[in-house]
N, C-alpha and C. Protein backbone atom coordinates (compact mmCIF):
# COMPACT_ATOMS: atom_id res chain seq x y z
N UNK A 1 0.86 -1.15 -0.01
CA UNK A 1 0.12 0.13 -0.07
C UNK A 1 0.98 1.26 -0.09
N UNK A 2 0.67 2.18 -0.95
CA UNK A 2 1.45 3.43 -1.02
C UNK A 2 0.89 4.50 -0.05
N UNK A 3 1.70 5.17 0.68
CA UNK A 3 1.26 6.16 1.50
C UNK A 3 1.69 7.63 1.02
N UNK A 4 0.99 8.59 1.36
CA UNK A 4 1.21 9.89 0.89
C UNK A 4 2.72 10.37 1.59
N UNK A 5 3.33 11.30 0.87
CA UNK A 5 4.71 11.70 1.47
C UNK A 5 4.36 12.39 2.72
N UNK A 6 4.88 11.64 3.76
CA UNK A 6 4.73 12.18 5.08
C UNK A 6 5.80 13.31 5.44
N UNK A 7 6.81 13.43 4.55
CA UNK A 7 7.77 14.51 4.77
C UNK A 7 7.07 15.92 4.61
N UNK A 8 5.86 15.98 3.69
CA UNK A 8 5.16 17.15 3.79
C UNK A 8 4.67 17.72 5.06
N UNK A 9 4.40 16.77 6.08
CA UNK A 9 3.88 17.22 7.36
C UNK A 9 5.00 17.25 8.44
N UNK A 10 6.19 17.22 8.09
CA UNK A 10 7.26 17.43 9.02
C UNK A 10 7.22 18.96 9.37
N UNK A 11 7.20 18.91 10.90
CA UNK A 11 7.29 20.34 11.30
C UNK A 11 5.92 20.90 11.50
N UNK A 12 4.91 20.24 11.13
CA UNK A 12 3.56 20.60 11.45
C UNK A 12 2.86 20.64 12.85
N UNK A 13 3.29 19.33 13.44
CA UNK A 13 2.81 19.27 14.83
C UNK A 13 4.06 19.58 15.77
N UNK A 14 3.76 20.82 16.53
CA UNK A 14 4.97 21.39 17.16
C UNK A 14 4.24 22.07 18.26
N UNK A 15 5.08 22.85 19.02
CA UNK A 15 4.63 23.77 20.02
C UNK A 15 3.65 24.77 19.50
N UNK A 16 3.97 25.44 18.44
CA UNK A 16 3.20 26.53 17.92
C UNK A 16 1.83 25.81 17.60
N UNK A 17 1.75 24.72 17.02
CA UNK A 17 0.60 24.06 16.67
C UNK A 17 -0.49 23.89 17.82
N UNK A 18 0.11 23.41 18.88
CA UNK A 18 -0.75 23.29 20.21
C UNK A 18 -1.08 24.52 20.76
N UNK A 19 -0.27 25.65 20.73
CA UNK A 19 -0.51 26.85 21.31
C UNK A 19 -1.70 27.50 20.40
N UNK A 20 -1.95 27.24 19.13
CA UNK A 20 -2.94 27.69 18.40
C UNK A 20 -4.12 26.70 18.00
N UNK A 21 -4.09 25.63 18.71
CA UNK A 21 -5.09 24.61 18.30
C UNK A 21 -6.52 25.13 18.72
N UNK A 22 -6.78 25.60 19.91
CA UNK A 22 -8.20 25.98 20.18
C UNK A 22 -8.60 27.31 19.45
N UNK A 23 -9.78 27.35 18.89
CA UNK A 23 -10.28 28.51 18.29
C UNK A 23 -10.39 29.76 19.09
N UNK A 24 -9.91 30.74 18.52
CA UNK A 24 -10.15 32.07 19.25
C UNK A 24 -10.52 32.99 18.16
N UNK A 25 -11.71 33.53 18.14
CA UNK A 25 -12.16 34.32 16.99
C UNK A 25 -11.23 35.72 16.98
N UNK A 26 -11.31 36.16 15.66
CA UNK A 26 -10.48 37.46 15.50
C UNK A 26 -11.41 38.64 16.18
N UNK A 27 -10.72 39.43 16.77
CA UNK A 27 -11.36 40.53 17.57
C UNK A 27 -11.22 41.84 16.92
N UNK A 28 -12.07 42.74 17.04
CA UNK A 28 -12.15 44.10 16.43
C UNK A 28 -11.31 45.20 17.45
N UNK A 29 -10.49 44.79 18.41
CA UNK A 29 -9.89 45.66 19.31
C UNK A 29 -9.20 46.80 18.77
N UNK A 30 -8.51 46.57 17.68
CA UNK A 30 -7.67 47.74 17.01
C UNK A 30 -8.59 48.46 16.07
N UNK A 31 -8.86 49.78 16.62
CA UNK A 31 -9.82 50.73 15.80
C UNK A 31 -9.07 51.43 14.67
N UNK A 32 -9.90 51.65 13.56
CA UNK A 32 -9.33 52.51 12.50
C UNK A 32 -8.97 53.90 13.10
N UNK A 33 -7.86 54.46 12.67
CA UNK A 33 -7.41 55.68 13.15
C UNK A 33 -6.42 55.57 14.39
N UNK A 34 -6.36 54.41 14.96
CA UNK A 34 -5.46 54.16 16.13
C UNK A 34 -4.00 53.88 15.53
N UNK A 35 -3.19 54.17 16.47
CA UNK A 35 -1.69 53.93 16.10
C UNK A 35 -1.47 52.47 16.15
N UNK A 36 -0.87 51.88 15.13
CA UNK A 36 -0.71 50.62 14.91
C UNK A 36 0.34 50.05 16.02
N UNK A 37 0.12 48.85 16.67
CA UNK A 37 1.02 48.38 17.57
C UNK A 37 2.35 48.19 17.02
N UNK A 38 3.50 48.52 17.64
CA UNK A 38 4.78 48.31 17.18
C UNK A 38 5.11 46.70 16.87
N UNK A 39 5.83 46.61 15.78
CA UNK A 39 6.39 45.23 15.45
C UNK A 39 7.72 45.43 15.25
N UNK A 40 8.50 44.67 15.84
CA UNK A 40 10.06 44.50 15.47
C UNK A 40 10.33 42.94 15.40
N UNK A 41 10.73 42.60 14.17
CA UNK A 41 10.75 41.26 13.74
C UNK A 41 11.83 41.11 12.72
N UNK A 42 12.26 39.73 12.51
CA UNK A 42 13.37 39.55 11.50
C UNK A 42 12.77 39.19 10.13
N UNK A 43 13.22 39.91 9.03
CA UNK A 43 12.81 39.78 7.77
C UNK A 43 13.72 38.65 7.27
N UNK A 44 13.08 37.47 6.95
CA UNK A 44 13.83 36.19 6.50
C UNK A 44 14.39 36.61 4.99
N UNK A 45 13.46 37.15 4.26
CA UNK A 45 13.96 37.32 2.77
C UNK A 45 15.18 38.26 2.55
N UNK A 46 15.26 39.24 3.22
CA UNK A 46 16.31 40.23 3.25
C UNK A 46 17.42 40.16 4.46
N UNK A 47 17.12 39.21 5.34
CA UNK A 47 18.10 38.94 6.46
C UNK A 47 18.34 40.23 7.15
N UNK A 48 17.34 40.96 7.79
CA UNK A 48 17.51 42.22 8.49
C UNK A 48 16.24 42.26 9.47
N UNK A 49 16.51 43.06 10.41
CA UNK A 49 15.45 43.52 11.53
C UNK A 49 14.60 44.49 10.97
N UNK A 50 13.35 44.39 11.09
CA UNK A 50 12.36 45.35 10.64
C UNK A 50 11.55 45.83 11.96
N UNK A 51 11.47 47.17 11.83
CA UNK A 51 10.50 47.77 12.87
C UNK A 51 9.48 48.58 12.23
N UNK A 52 8.11 48.45 12.49
CA UNK A 52 7.13 49.09 11.85
C UNK A 52 7.29 50.49 11.87
N UNK A 53 7.86 50.91 13.00
CA UNK A 53 8.08 52.50 13.26
C UNK A 53 9.22 53.11 12.37
N UNK A 54 9.87 52.33 11.64
CA UNK A 54 10.95 52.69 10.72
C UNK A 54 10.31 53.25 9.48
N UNK A 55 9.09 52.78 9.24
CA UNK A 55 8.41 53.44 7.99
C UNK A 55 7.56 54.57 8.33
N UNK A 56 7.47 55.02 9.53
CA UNK A 56 6.62 56.18 9.97
C UNK A 56 7.15 57.36 9.28
N UNK A 57 6.42 58.22 8.73
CA UNK A 57 6.84 59.43 8.05
C UNK A 57 7.42 59.22 6.64
N UNK A 58 7.62 57.87 6.23
CA UNK A 58 8.20 57.68 5.08
C UNK A 58 7.14 57.02 4.05
N UNK A 59 6.33 55.99 4.36
CA UNK A 59 5.52 55.42 3.46
C UNK A 59 4.64 54.51 4.17
N UNK A 60 3.41 54.18 3.51
CA UNK A 60 2.37 53.40 4.13
C UNK A 60 2.93 51.83 4.13
N UNK A 61 2.36 51.06 4.95
CA UNK A 61 2.69 49.62 4.95
C UNK A 61 1.35 48.72 5.08
N UNK A 62 1.46 47.63 4.32
CA UNK A 62 0.47 46.68 4.56
C UNK A 62 1.04 45.48 5.47
N UNK A 63 0.46 45.19 6.60
CA UNK A 63 0.81 44.10 7.25
C UNK A 63 -0.10 42.93 6.90
N UNK A 64 0.56 42.01 6.30
CA UNK A 64 -0.31 40.88 5.77
C UNK A 64 0.05 39.54 6.53
N UNK A 65 -0.84 39.22 7.57
CA UNK A 65 -0.65 38.17 8.32
C UNK A 65 -1.17 36.87 7.67
N UNK A 66 -0.39 35.89 7.41
CA UNK A 66 -0.89 34.83 6.64
C UNK A 66 -0.74 33.49 7.32
N UNK A 67 -1.34 32.44 6.77
CA UNK A 67 -1.27 31.10 7.44
C UNK A 67 -0.36 30.22 6.42
N UNK A 68 0.79 29.88 7.01
CA UNK A 68 1.62 28.92 6.35
C UNK A 68 1.90 27.89 7.40
N UNK A 69 1.58 26.78 7.22
CA UNK A 69 1.63 25.69 8.30
C UNK A 69 3.05 25.09 8.37
N UNK A 70 3.64 24.79 7.16
CA UNK A 70 4.99 24.49 7.02
C UNK A 70 5.45 24.85 5.69
N UNK A 71 6.61 24.64 5.36
CA UNK A 71 7.11 25.12 4.00
C UNK A 71 6.47 24.32 2.94
N UNK A 72 5.67 23.16 3.22
CA UNK A 72 5.09 22.51 2.10
C UNK A 72 3.67 22.48 2.33
N UNK A 73 3.00 23.11 3.51
CA UNK A 73 1.63 23.09 3.79
C UNK A 73 1.12 24.46 3.90
N UNK A 74 0.35 24.80 3.04
CA UNK A 74 -0.20 26.18 3.02
C UNK A 74 -1.79 25.98 3.27
N UNK A 75 -2.09 27.12 3.95
CA UNK A 75 -3.65 27.35 4.15
C UNK A 75 -4.21 27.39 2.72
N UNK A 76 -5.30 26.56 2.45
CA UNK A 76 -6.02 26.61 1.03
C UNK A 76 -6.62 27.99 0.83
N UNK A 77 -6.91 28.97 1.87
CA UNK A 77 -7.50 30.15 1.51
C UNK A 77 -6.41 31.26 1.41
N UNK A 78 -5.18 30.92 2.05
CA UNK A 78 -4.13 31.86 1.94
C UNK A 78 -3.14 31.67 0.85
N UNK A 79 -3.04 30.43 0.30
CA UNK A 79 -2.05 30.32 -0.73
C UNK A 79 -2.32 31.01 -2.03
N UNK A 80 -3.49 31.01 -2.57
CA UNK A 80 -3.83 32.01 -3.70
C UNK A 80 -3.58 33.50 -3.34
N UNK A 81 -3.91 33.90 -2.13
CA UNK A 81 -3.65 35.19 -1.61
C UNK A 81 -2.15 35.59 -1.80
N UNK A 82 -1.35 34.66 -1.15
CA UNK A 82 0.07 34.85 -1.16
C UNK A 82 0.58 34.93 -2.57
N UNK A 83 0.13 34.06 -3.50
CA UNK A 83 0.73 34.03 -4.83
C UNK A 83 0.24 35.32 -5.59
N UNK A 84 -0.97 35.88 -5.34
CA UNK A 84 -1.28 36.93 -6.05
C UNK A 84 -0.66 38.32 -5.54
N UNK A 85 -0.62 38.46 -4.23
CA UNK A 85 -0.01 39.48 -3.74
C UNK A 85 1.56 39.62 -4.17
N UNK A 86 2.27 38.32 -4.37
CA UNK A 86 3.57 38.27 -4.80
C UNK A 86 3.54 38.77 -6.15
N UNK A 87 2.78 38.12 -7.05
CA UNK A 87 2.78 38.52 -8.44
C UNK A 87 2.49 40.07 -8.71
N UNK A 88 1.84 40.67 -7.69
CA UNK A 88 1.43 42.07 -7.95
C UNK A 88 2.19 43.02 -6.89
N UNK A 89 3.25 42.54 -6.41
CA UNK A 89 4.04 43.28 -5.54
C UNK A 89 4.49 44.57 -6.09
N UNK A 90 4.94 44.44 -7.27
CA UNK A 90 5.45 45.69 -7.97
C UNK A 90 4.48 46.82 -8.06
N UNK A 91 3.12 46.50 -7.99
CA UNK A 91 2.15 47.66 -8.16
C UNK A 91 2.23 48.24 -6.72
N UNK A 92 2.31 47.56 -5.74
CA UNK A 92 2.53 48.23 -4.27
C UNK A 92 3.57 49.06 -4.23
N UNK A 93 4.78 48.68 -4.67
CA UNK A 93 6.01 49.31 -4.63
C UNK A 93 5.90 50.61 -5.62
N UNK A 94 5.19 50.49 -6.74
CA UNK A 94 5.00 51.69 -7.55
C UNK A 94 4.02 52.73 -6.97
N UNK A 95 3.32 52.26 -5.99
CA UNK A 95 2.47 53.32 -5.25
C UNK A 95 3.12 53.79 -3.96
N UNK A 96 4.45 53.35 -3.84
CA UNK A 96 5.07 53.83 -2.58
C UNK A 96 4.76 53.15 -1.21
N UNK A 97 4.11 51.74 -1.48
CA UNK A 97 3.72 50.97 -0.27
C UNK A 97 4.50 49.79 -0.12
N UNK A 98 4.83 49.52 1.17
CA UNK A 98 5.66 48.21 1.47
C UNK A 98 4.59 47.31 1.85
N UNK A 99 4.77 45.99 1.48
CA UNK A 99 4.19 44.97 1.95
C UNK A 99 4.82 43.94 2.89
N UNK A 100 4.39 43.85 4.07
CA UNK A 100 5.19 42.86 5.12
C UNK A 100 4.40 41.78 5.23
N UNK A 101 4.85 40.58 4.69
CA UNK A 101 4.02 39.34 4.98
C UNK A 101 4.51 38.72 6.20
N UNK A 102 3.61 38.34 7.19
CA UNK A 102 4.08 37.84 8.36
C UNK A 102 3.51 36.38 8.56
N UNK A 103 4.27 35.37 8.96
CA UNK A 103 4.04 34.11 9.07
C UNK A 103 4.43 33.65 10.25
N UNK A 104 3.75 32.53 10.76
CA UNK A 104 4.17 31.90 12.09
C UNK A 104 5.09 30.76 11.89
N UNK A 105 5.64 30.51 10.74
CA UNK A 105 6.66 29.47 10.41
C UNK A 105 7.97 29.86 11.02
N UNK A 106 8.74 29.09 11.38
CA UNK A 106 10.15 29.34 11.97
C UNK A 106 11.05 29.75 10.87
N UNK A 107 12.29 30.20 11.25
CA UNK A 107 13.29 30.73 10.34
C UNK A 107 13.56 29.80 9.23
N UNK A 108 13.88 28.43 9.53
CA UNK A 108 14.09 27.57 8.34
C UNK A 108 13.03 27.43 7.45
N UNK A 109 11.72 27.13 8.06
CA UNK A 109 10.65 26.98 7.08
C UNK A 109 10.39 28.18 6.24
N UNK A 110 10.63 29.38 6.88
CA UNK A 110 10.37 30.72 6.15
C UNK A 110 11.35 30.91 5.07
N UNK A 111 12.55 30.37 5.27
CA UNK A 111 13.62 30.54 4.26
C UNK A 111 13.22 29.59 3.04
N UNK A 112 12.60 28.38 3.35
CA UNK A 112 12.25 27.53 2.29
C UNK A 112 11.05 28.10 1.45
N UNK A 113 10.08 28.72 2.19
CA UNK A 113 8.93 29.42 1.63
C UNK A 113 9.39 30.51 0.72
N UNK A 114 10.36 31.39 1.05
CA UNK A 114 10.95 32.44 0.34
C UNK A 114 11.47 31.88 -0.87
N UNK A 115 12.19 30.89 -0.76
CA UNK A 115 12.87 30.24 -2.03
C UNK A 115 11.89 29.53 -2.86
N UNK A 116 11.00 28.67 -2.43
CA UNK A 116 10.00 27.92 -3.11
C UNK A 116 9.06 28.82 -3.84
N UNK A 117 8.59 29.91 -3.32
CA UNK A 117 7.62 30.78 -3.82
C UNK A 117 8.17 31.96 -4.62
N UNK A 118 9.50 32.08 -4.43
CA UNK A 118 10.30 33.16 -5.16
C UNK A 118 9.60 34.46 -4.56
N UNK A 119 9.45 34.54 -3.21
CA UNK A 119 8.85 35.79 -2.63
C UNK A 119 9.60 37.10 -3.11
N UNK A 120 8.90 38.12 -3.33
CA UNK A 120 9.52 39.32 -3.76
C UNK A 120 9.44 40.30 -2.53
N UNK A 121 8.60 40.10 -1.71
CA UNK A 121 8.18 40.93 -0.60
C UNK A 121 8.85 40.41 0.59
N UNK A 122 9.21 41.38 1.71
CA UNK A 122 9.72 40.61 3.00
C UNK A 122 8.76 39.62 3.52
N UNK A 123 9.41 38.56 4.08
CA UNK A 123 8.66 37.48 4.83
C UNK A 123 9.15 37.53 6.27
N UNK A 124 8.26 38.02 7.23
CA UNK A 124 8.63 38.08 8.67
C UNK A 124 8.24 36.83 9.34
N UNK A 125 9.25 36.29 10.06
CA UNK A 125 8.99 34.95 10.90
C UNK A 125 8.67 35.32 12.25
N UNK A 126 7.45 34.77 12.63
CA UNK A 126 6.75 35.01 13.96
C UNK A 126 6.50 33.70 14.61
N UNK A 127 7.26 32.71 14.87
CA UNK A 127 6.87 31.55 15.41
C UNK A 127 6.38 31.53 16.62
N UNK A 128 6.47 32.53 17.41
CA UNK A 128 5.95 32.67 18.68
C UNK A 128 4.46 33.11 18.74
N UNK A 129 4.13 33.60 17.65
CA UNK A 129 2.83 34.17 17.19
C UNK A 129 2.55 35.49 18.11
N UNK A 130 3.47 36.07 18.59
CA UNK A 130 3.29 37.19 19.45
C UNK A 130 2.77 38.35 18.65
N UNK A 131 3.18 38.54 17.46
CA UNK A 131 2.61 39.80 16.69
C UNK A 131 1.13 39.42 16.13
N UNK A 132 0.87 38.14 15.83
CA UNK A 132 -0.53 37.82 15.57
C UNK A 132 -1.35 38.13 16.74
N UNK A 133 -0.97 37.83 17.98
CA UNK A 133 -1.82 38.02 19.18
C UNK A 133 -1.90 39.56 19.34
N UNK A 134 -0.76 40.31 19.21
CA UNK A 134 -0.87 41.67 19.36
C UNK A 134 -1.90 42.36 18.47
N UNK A 135 -2.08 41.80 17.37
CA UNK A 135 -3.11 42.42 16.38
C UNK A 135 -4.49 41.64 16.44
N UNK A 136 -4.53 40.83 17.50
CA UNK A 136 -5.94 40.19 17.77
C UNK A 136 -6.56 39.49 16.40
N UNK A 137 -5.63 38.75 15.72
CA UNK A 137 -6.33 38.14 14.51
C UNK A 137 -6.89 36.76 14.77
N UNK A 138 -6.81 36.14 16.02
CA UNK A 138 -7.45 34.93 16.34
C UNK A 138 -6.62 33.82 15.82
N UNK A 139 -7.08 32.57 16.12
CA UNK A 139 -6.41 31.41 15.69
C UNK A 139 -7.32 30.13 15.64
N UNK A 140 -6.96 29.07 15.00
CA UNK A 140 -7.81 27.94 14.84
C UNK A 140 -6.90 26.84 14.15
N UNK A 141 -7.14 25.63 14.52
CA UNK A 141 -6.59 24.48 13.82
C UNK A 141 -5.07 24.60 13.74
N UNK A 142 -4.44 25.03 14.71
CA UNK A 142 -2.95 24.99 14.77
C UNK A 142 -2.25 26.17 14.23
N UNK A 143 -2.96 27.18 13.92
CA UNK A 143 -2.11 28.38 13.32
C UNK A 143 -3.13 29.63 13.54
N UNK A 144 -2.49 30.80 13.68
CA UNK A 144 -3.14 32.03 13.76
C UNK A 144 -3.90 32.23 12.41
N UNK A 145 -5.01 32.99 12.43
CA UNK A 145 -5.81 33.35 11.29
C UNK A 145 -5.23 34.48 10.60
N UNK A 146 -5.51 34.43 9.20
CA UNK A 146 -5.04 35.64 8.33
C UNK A 146 -5.67 36.91 8.55
N UNK A 147 -5.00 38.00 8.33
CA UNK A 147 -5.71 39.22 8.54
C UNK A 147 -4.67 40.30 7.73
N UNK A 148 -5.31 41.45 7.35
CA UNK A 148 -4.58 42.45 6.62
C UNK A 148 -4.83 43.74 7.22
N UNK A 149 -3.70 44.53 7.39
CA UNK A 149 -3.91 46.01 8.06
C UNK A 149 -3.11 46.88 7.12
N UNK A 150 -3.74 48.01 6.74
CA UNK A 150 -2.85 49.03 6.17
C UNK A 150 -2.59 50.12 7.17
N UNK A 151 -1.33 50.44 7.23
CA UNK A 151 -0.96 51.45 8.27
C UNK A 151 -0.52 52.62 7.34
N UNK A 152 -1.04 53.77 7.58
CA UNK A 152 -0.57 55.01 6.64
C UNK A 152 0.88 55.44 7.29
N UNK A 153 1.36 56.39 6.52
CA UNK A 153 2.83 56.86 6.76
C UNK A 153 2.86 57.55 8.18
N UNK A 154 1.67 57.85 8.74
CA UNK A 154 1.78 58.48 10.08
C UNK A 154 1.66 57.39 11.19
N UNK A 155 1.49 56.11 10.76
CA UNK A 155 1.55 54.97 11.74
C UNK A 155 0.10 54.68 12.22
N UNK A 156 -0.91 55.14 11.49
CA UNK A 156 -2.26 54.87 11.94
C UNK A 156 -2.96 53.76 10.97
N UNK A 157 -3.84 52.92 11.68
CA UNK A 157 -4.42 51.88 10.97
C UNK A 157 -5.48 52.73 10.15
N UNK A 158 -5.47 52.40 8.94
CA UNK A 158 -6.59 53.06 8.03
C UNK A 158 -7.51 51.89 7.25
N UNK A 159 -7.05 50.68 7.42
CA UNK A 159 -7.83 49.57 6.88
C UNK A 159 -7.58 48.42 7.65
N UNK A 160 -8.52 47.54 7.85
CA UNK A 160 -8.36 46.25 8.36
C UNK A 160 -9.26 45.24 7.88
N UNK A 161 -8.71 44.12 7.79
CA UNK A 161 -9.65 42.94 7.23
C UNK A 161 -9.27 41.67 8.12
N UNK A 162 -10.22 41.31 8.82
CA UNK A 162 -10.15 40.03 9.69
C UNK A 162 -10.62 38.94 8.95
N UNK A 163 -10.21 37.70 9.29
CA UNK A 163 -10.70 36.42 8.68
C UNK A 163 -12.15 36.16 8.94
N UNK A 164 -12.87 35.75 8.05
CA UNK A 164 -14.21 35.22 8.20
C UNK A 164 -14.33 34.12 7.22
N UNK A 165 -15.25 33.10 7.53
CA UNK A 165 -15.46 32.02 6.50
C UNK A 165 -16.12 32.40 5.38
N UNK A 166 -16.53 33.65 5.19
CA UNK A 166 -17.14 34.26 3.99
C UNK A 166 -16.18 35.10 3.19
N UNK A 167 -15.18 35.73 3.83
CA UNK A 167 -14.23 36.42 3.22
C UNK A 167 -12.84 36.23 3.92
N UNK A 168 -12.03 35.28 3.43
CA UNK A 168 -10.84 34.85 4.09
C UNK A 168 -9.75 35.83 4.15
N UNK A 169 -9.43 36.55 3.13
CA UNK A 169 -8.48 37.58 3.01
C UNK A 169 -8.99 38.74 2.20
N UNK A 170 -8.36 39.84 2.45
CA UNK A 170 -8.81 41.11 1.72
C UNK A 170 -8.33 40.87 0.21
N UNK A 171 -9.28 41.31 -0.74
CA UNK A 171 -8.91 41.24 -2.05
C UNK A 171 -7.67 42.23 -2.40
N UNK A 172 -6.80 41.82 -3.40
CA UNK A 172 -5.63 42.62 -3.68
C UNK A 172 -6.02 43.94 -4.06
N UNK A 173 -7.16 43.91 -5.02
CA UNK A 173 -7.55 45.31 -5.51
C UNK A 173 -8.04 46.13 -4.47
N UNK A 174 -8.69 45.58 -3.55
CA UNK A 174 -9.04 46.53 -2.28
C UNK A 174 -7.79 47.09 -1.53
N UNK A 175 -6.86 46.14 -1.38
CA UNK A 175 -5.66 46.67 -0.67
C UNK A 175 -4.99 47.68 -1.48
N UNK A 176 -4.88 47.52 -2.75
CA UNK A 176 -4.24 48.54 -3.69
C UNK A 176 -5.12 49.86 -3.67
N UNK A 177 -6.42 49.76 -3.63
CA UNK A 177 -7.20 51.13 -3.77
C UNK A 177 -7.27 51.62 -2.48
N UNK A 178 -6.98 50.96 -1.38
CA UNK A 178 -7.06 51.48 0.03
C UNK A 178 -5.75 52.17 0.51
N UNK A 179 -4.77 52.04 -0.32
CA UNK A 179 -3.37 52.64 0.10
C UNK A 179 -3.40 54.03 -0.38
N UNK A 180 -2.63 54.87 0.44
CA UNK A 180 -2.35 56.22 0.06
C UNK A 180 -0.84 56.28 0.03
N UNK A 181 -0.38 56.82 -1.23
CA UNK A 181 1.06 57.00 -1.21
C UNK A 181 1.46 58.43 -1.02
């Protein structure tokens, strides 16, 4: 009897999985117009530390919290979103907007994701899920839920989209039209 490649699930069941197993709904605690909570985190793609406040006064930022379970297991709702935002990344750059994709994968898994998907945008590794919790995105089935926030160049949240079963991720065109350069 042939079995599916179990290597695809390597790294799926770990401490992060159990911390995010129980469902917690996304909350609307962060109000539009409020200052976005600081994020300081490692950018795997460019091998540098990023602070959200470094963009203040310079350019808007999209914080794109996404579900990547392992480097070979993607959320079926998030994978098409990741691909499309990656393909259209130049449109954001042309508008003077940075996209920071945030994943709960560890550094090694994140490096593999950057390579395998040929990511053009920064990929921020948050295996502790602390940034996901700071933004109240919720969690279910072993991983934080996806969400998108647009932070204007003054550091204020001007758009937010939290996961729902009817609308998993914000549409790329909505993100583009909601940005201010």
